[in-house]
């Protein structure tokens, strides 16, 4: 599952990905916000 959170009040969009962890019973959330130059 991947989402992009974008709002005029944010300095840059936030990207988030929820992935299943291999070999484990769970998920991991990875998020990033690129630098806006």
C-alpha atoms as a PDB file:
ATOM      1  CA  UNK A   1       0.000   0.000   0.000  1.00  0.00           C
ATOM      2  CA  UNK A   2       1.415   3.388  -0.993  1.00  0.00           C
ATOM      3  CA  UNK A   3      -0.025   6.836  -0.381  1.00  0.00           C
ATOM      4  CA  UNK A   4       0.938  10.429  -1.096  1.00  0.00           C
ATOM      5  CA  UNK A   5      -0.214  13.044   1.415  1.00  0.00           C
ATOM      6  CA  UNK A   6      -0.219  16.477  -0.153  1.00  0.00           C
ATOM      7  CA  UNK A   7      -1.747  19.611   1.293  1.00  0.00           C
ATOM      8  CA  UNK A   8      -1.068  23.296   0.610  1.00  0.00           C
ATOM      9  CA  UNK A   9      -0.068  23.708   4.262  1.00  0.00           C
ATOM     10  CA  UNK A  10       2.761  21.125   3.888  1.00  0.00           C
ATOM     11  CA  UNK A  11       6.145  22.368   2.655  1.00  0.00           C
ATOM     12  CA  UNK A  12       6.381  19.193   0.510  1.00  0.00           C
ATOM     13  CA  UNK A  13       4.260  16.064  -0.003  1.00  0.00           C
ATOM     14  CA  UNK A  14       4.732  13.065   2.288  1.00  0.00           C
ATOM     15  CA  UNK A  15       5.043   9.618   0.707  1.00  0.00           C
ATOM     16  CA  UNK A  16       4.266   6.517   2.788  1.00  0.00           C
ATOM     17  CA  UNK A  17       4.477   2.805   1.977  1.00  0.00           C
ATOM     18  CA  UNK A  18       3.213  -0.047   4.144  1.00  0.00           C
ATOM     19  CA  UNK A  19       4.967  -3.344   3.375  1.00  0.00           C
ATOM     20  CA  UNK A  20       4.859  -6.820   4.858  1.00  0.00           C
ATOM     21  CA  UNK A  21       8.046  -7.843   6.672  1.00  0.00           C
ATOM     22  CA  UNK A  22       9.471 -11.053   5.184  1.00  0.00           C
ATOM     23  CA  UNK A  23       9.817 -13.893   7.665  1.00  0.00           C
ATOM     24  CA  UNK A  24       7.875 -12.050  10.368  1.00  0.00           C
ATOM     25  CA  UNK A  25       4.250 -11.576  11.311  1.00  0.00           C
ATOM     26  CA  UNK A  26       3.976  -7.840  10.799  1.00  0.00           C
ATOM     27  CA  UNK A  27       4.299  -4.784   8.606  1.00  0.00           C
ATOM     28  CA  UNK A  28       6.647  -1.861   8.323  1.00  0.00           C
ATOM     29  CA  UNK A  29       5.759   1.723   7.491  1.00  0.00           C
ATOM     30  CA  UNK A  30       8.316   3.649   5.456  1.00  0.00           C
ATOM     31  CA  UNK A  31       7.746   7.350   4.935  1.00  0.00           C
ATOM     32  CA  UNK A  32       9.698  10.138   3.318  1.00  0.00           C
ATOM     33  CA  UNK A  33       9.407  13.811   2.558  1.00  0.00           C
ATOM     34  CA  UNK A  34      11.684  15.143  -0.169  1.00  0.00           C
ATOM     35  CA  UNK A  35      13.503  18.407   0.438  1.00  0.00           C
ATOM     36  CA  UNK A  36      11.989  21.301  -1.429  1.00  0.00           C
ATOM     37  CA  UNK A  37      14.661  23.582  -2.862  1.00  0.00           C
END
